[in-house]
Amino acid sequence: MRIGDEREFFMPNITFSLDEETIRKVRKIALEKDTTLTALVRDFLSSVAKRDEQKKKTALKKFKASFKTLSRDMGSRKWTRESLYER
């Protein structure tokens, strides 16, 4: 996160382990992109969360569409609950 970004003060920290070689490579990539390793990790995790959210929205949209496709008009209801249980 760049200096002056207000979100910096409200975000909780997390700690994780990563091998030194990977850290070195990612820091180099971050430097080339004029950002930080932390910002790259944050952006990556945010994109994972957004993709998951989008997958759920897409699945729900398909599910709702299936009702339109598969539903059939059953006509008017000519029965009552009580009549179904009459003996």
C-alpha atoms as a PDB file:
ATOM      1  CA  MET A   1       0.000   0.000   0.000  1.00  0.00           C
ATOM      2  CA  ARG A   2       1.352   3.402  -0.851  1.00  0.00           C
ATOM      3  CA  ILE A   3       1.880   6.104   1.758  1.00  0.00           C
ATOM      4  CA  GLY A   4      -1.223   8.182   2.287  1.00  0.00           C
ATOM      5  CA  ASP A   5      -3.680   5.378   1.619  1.00  0.00           C
ATOM      6  CA  GLU A   6      -6.224   5.695   4.444  1.00  0.00           C
ATOM      7  CA  ARG A   7      -7.051   1.961   4.395  1.00  0.00           C
ATOM      8  CA  GLU A   8      -3.574   1.225   5.725  1.00  0.00           C
ATOM      9  CA  PHE A   9      -4.602   2.238   9.228  1.00  0.00           C
ATOM     10  CA  PHE A  10      -7.763   0.135   9.390  1.00  0.00           C
ATOM     11  CA  MET A  11      -6.581  -3.210   8.007  1.00  0.00           C
ATOM     12  CA  PRO A  12      -5.632  -6.076  10.295  1.00  0.00           C
ATOM     13  CA  ASN A  13      -2.278  -7.758   9.730  1.00  0.00           C
ATOM     14  CA  ILE A  14      -1.722 -11.417   8.934  1.00  0.00           C
ATOM     15  CA  THR A  15       1.457 -13.435   9.208  1.00  0.00           C
ATOM     16  CA  PHE A  16       2.457 -16.352   7.007  1.00  0.00           C
ATOM     17  CA  SER A  17       5.611 -18.212   6.052  1.00  0.00           C
ATOM     18  CA  LEU A  18       7.165 -18.296   2.614  1.00  0.00           C
ATOM     19  CA  ASP A  19      10.532 -19.510   1.410  1.00  0.00           C
ATOM     20  CA  GLU A  20      13.242 -16.885   0.876  1.00  0.00           C
ATOM     21  CA  GLU A  21      13.636 -17.579  -2.836  1.00  0.00           C
ATOM     22  CA  THR A  22       9.955 -16.882  -3.507  1.00  0.00           C
ATOM     23  CA  ILE A  23      10.069 -13.734  -1.387  1.00  0.00           C
ATOM     24  CA  ARG A  24      13.117 -12.514  -3.311  1.00  0.00           C
ATOM     25  CA  LYS A  25      11.428 -13.153  -6.678  1.00  0.00           C
ATOM     26  CA  VAL A  26       8.165 -11.495  -5.663  1.00  0.00           C
ATOM     27  CA  ARG A  27       9.953  -8.461  -4.222  1.00  0.00           C
ATOM     28  CA  LYS A  28      11.734  -8.066  -7.554  1.00  0.00           C
ATOM     29  CA  ILE A  29       8.398  -8.261  -9.388  1.00  0.00           C
ATOM     30  CA  ALA A  30       6.898  -5.731  -6.961  1.00  0.00           C
ATOM     31  CA  LEU A  31       9.812  -3.352  -7.546  1.00  0.00           C
ATOM     32  CA  GLU A  32       9.326  -3.639 -11.312  1.00  0.00           C
ATOM     33  CA  LYS A  33       5.619  -2.821 -10.849  1.00  0.00           C
ATOM     34  CA  ASP A  34       6.382   0.084  -8.513  1.00  0.00           C
ATOM     35  CA  THR A  35       4.557  -1.529  -5.596  1.00  0.00           C
ATOM     36  CA  THR A  36       5.319  -3.712  -2.566  1.00  0.00           C
ATOM     37  CA  LEU A  37       5.232  -7.395  -1.795  1.00  0.00           C
ATOM     38  CA  THR A  38       2.431  -6.664   0.690  1.00  0.00           C
ATOM     39  CA  ALA A  39       0.381  -4.873  -1.964  1.00  0.00           C
ATOM     40  CA  LEU A  40       0.850  -7.763  -4.401  1.00  0.00           C
ATOM     41  CA  VAL A  41      -0.308 -10.269  -1.783  1.00  0.00           C
ATOM     42  CA  ARG A  42      -3.266  -8.048  -0.843  1.00  0.00           C
ATOM     43  CA  ASP A  43      -4.274  -7.648  -4.498  1.00  0.00           C
ATOM     44  CA  PHE A  44      -3.982 -11.377  -5.105  1.00  0.00           C
ATOM     45  CA  LEU A  45      -6.085 -12.308  -2.071  1.00  0.00           C
ATOM     46  CA  SER A  46      -8.665  -9.672  -3.001  1.00  0.00           C
ATOM     47  CA  SER A  47      -8.908 -11.109  -6.514  1.00  0.00           C
ATOM     48  CA  VAL A  48      -9.400 -14.620  -5.084  1.00  0.00           C
ATOM     49  CA  ALA A  49     -12.254 -13.338  -2.901  1.00  0.00           C
ATOM     50  CA  LYS A  50     -13.861 -11.487  -5.833  1.00  0.00           C
ATOM     51  CA  ARG A  51     -13.617 -14.533  -8.110  1.00  0.00           C
ATOM     52  CA  ASP A  52     -15.299 -16.678  -5.453  1.00  0.00           C
ATOM     53  CA  GLU A  53     -18.049 -14.097  -5.036  1.00  0.00           C
ATOM     54  CA  GLN A  54     -18.536 -13.912  -8.800  1.00  0.00           C
ATOM     55  CA  LYS A  55     -18.717 -17.722  -9.063  1.00  0.00           C
ATOM     56  CA  LYS A  56     -21.478 -17.767  -6.457  1.00  0.00           C
ATOM     57  CA  LYS A  57     -23.405 -15.014  -8.244  1.00  0.00           C
ATOM     58  CA  THR A  58     -23.080 -16.839 -11.564  1.00  0.00           C
ATOM     59  CA  ALA A  59     -24.230 -20.126 -10.018  1.00  0.00           C
ATOM     60  CA  LEU A  60     -27.247 -18.431  -8.450  1.00  0.00           C
ATOM     61  CA  LYS A  61     -28.116 -16.743 -11.750  1.00  0.00           C
ATOM     62  CA  LYS A  62     -27.960 -20.112 -13.566  1.00  0.00           C
ATOM     63  CA  PHE A  63     -30.042 -21.742 -10.837  1.00  0.00           C
ATOM     64  CA  LYS A  64     -32.743 -19.075 -11.135  1.00  0.00           C
ATOM     65  CA  ALA A  65     -32.662 -19.347 -14.935  1.00  0.00           C
ATOM     66  CA  SER A  66     -33.236 -23.092 -14.667  1.00  0.00           C
ATOM     67  CA  PHE A  67     -36.566 -22.412 -12.962  1.00  0.00           C
ATOM     68  CA  LYS A  68     -37.671 -20.345 -15.940  1.00  0.00           C
ATOM     69  CA  THR A  69     -36.532 -23.023 -18.363  1.00  0.00           C
ATOM     70  CA  LEU A  70     -37.781 -26.093 -16.522  1.00  0.00           C
ATOM     71  CA  SER A  71     -40.951 -24.787 -14.851  1.00  0.00           C
ATOM     72  CA  ARG A  72     -44.275 -25.780 -16.352  1.00  0.00           C
ATOM     73  CA  ASP A  73     -47.705 -24.272 -15.940  1.00  0.00           C
ATOM     74  CA  MET A  74     -49.649 -26.663 -13.746  1.00  0.00           C
ATOM     75  CA  GLY A  75     -52.945 -24.855 -14.231  1.00  0.00           C
ATOM     76  CA  SER A  76     -55.068 -23.493 -11.447  1.00  0.00           C
ATOM     77  CA  ARG A  77     -55.096 -25.282  -8.127  1.00  0.00           C
ATOM     78  CA  LYS A  78     -58.397 -27.064  -7.679  1.00  0.00           C
ATOM     79  CA  TRP A  79     -57.602 -28.754  -4.409  1.00  0.00           C
ATOM     80  CA  THR A  80     -57.221 -27.760  -0.818  1.00  0.00           C
ATOM     81  CA  ARG A  81     -54.852 -29.113   1.729  1.00  0.00           C
ATOM     82  CA  GLU A  82     -57.748 -30.582   3.663  1.00  0.00           C
ATOM     83  CA  SER A  83     -59.095 -32.419   0.621  1.00  0.00           C
ATOM     84  CA  LEU A  84     -55.745 -34.116   0.110  1.00  0.00           C
ATOM     85  CA  TYR A  85     -55.968 -35.643   3.581  1.00  0.00           C
ATOM     86  CA  GLU A  86     -59.635 -36.710   3.408  1.00  0.00           C
ATOM     87  CA  ARG A  87     -60.122 -40.454   3.833  1.00  0.00           C
END
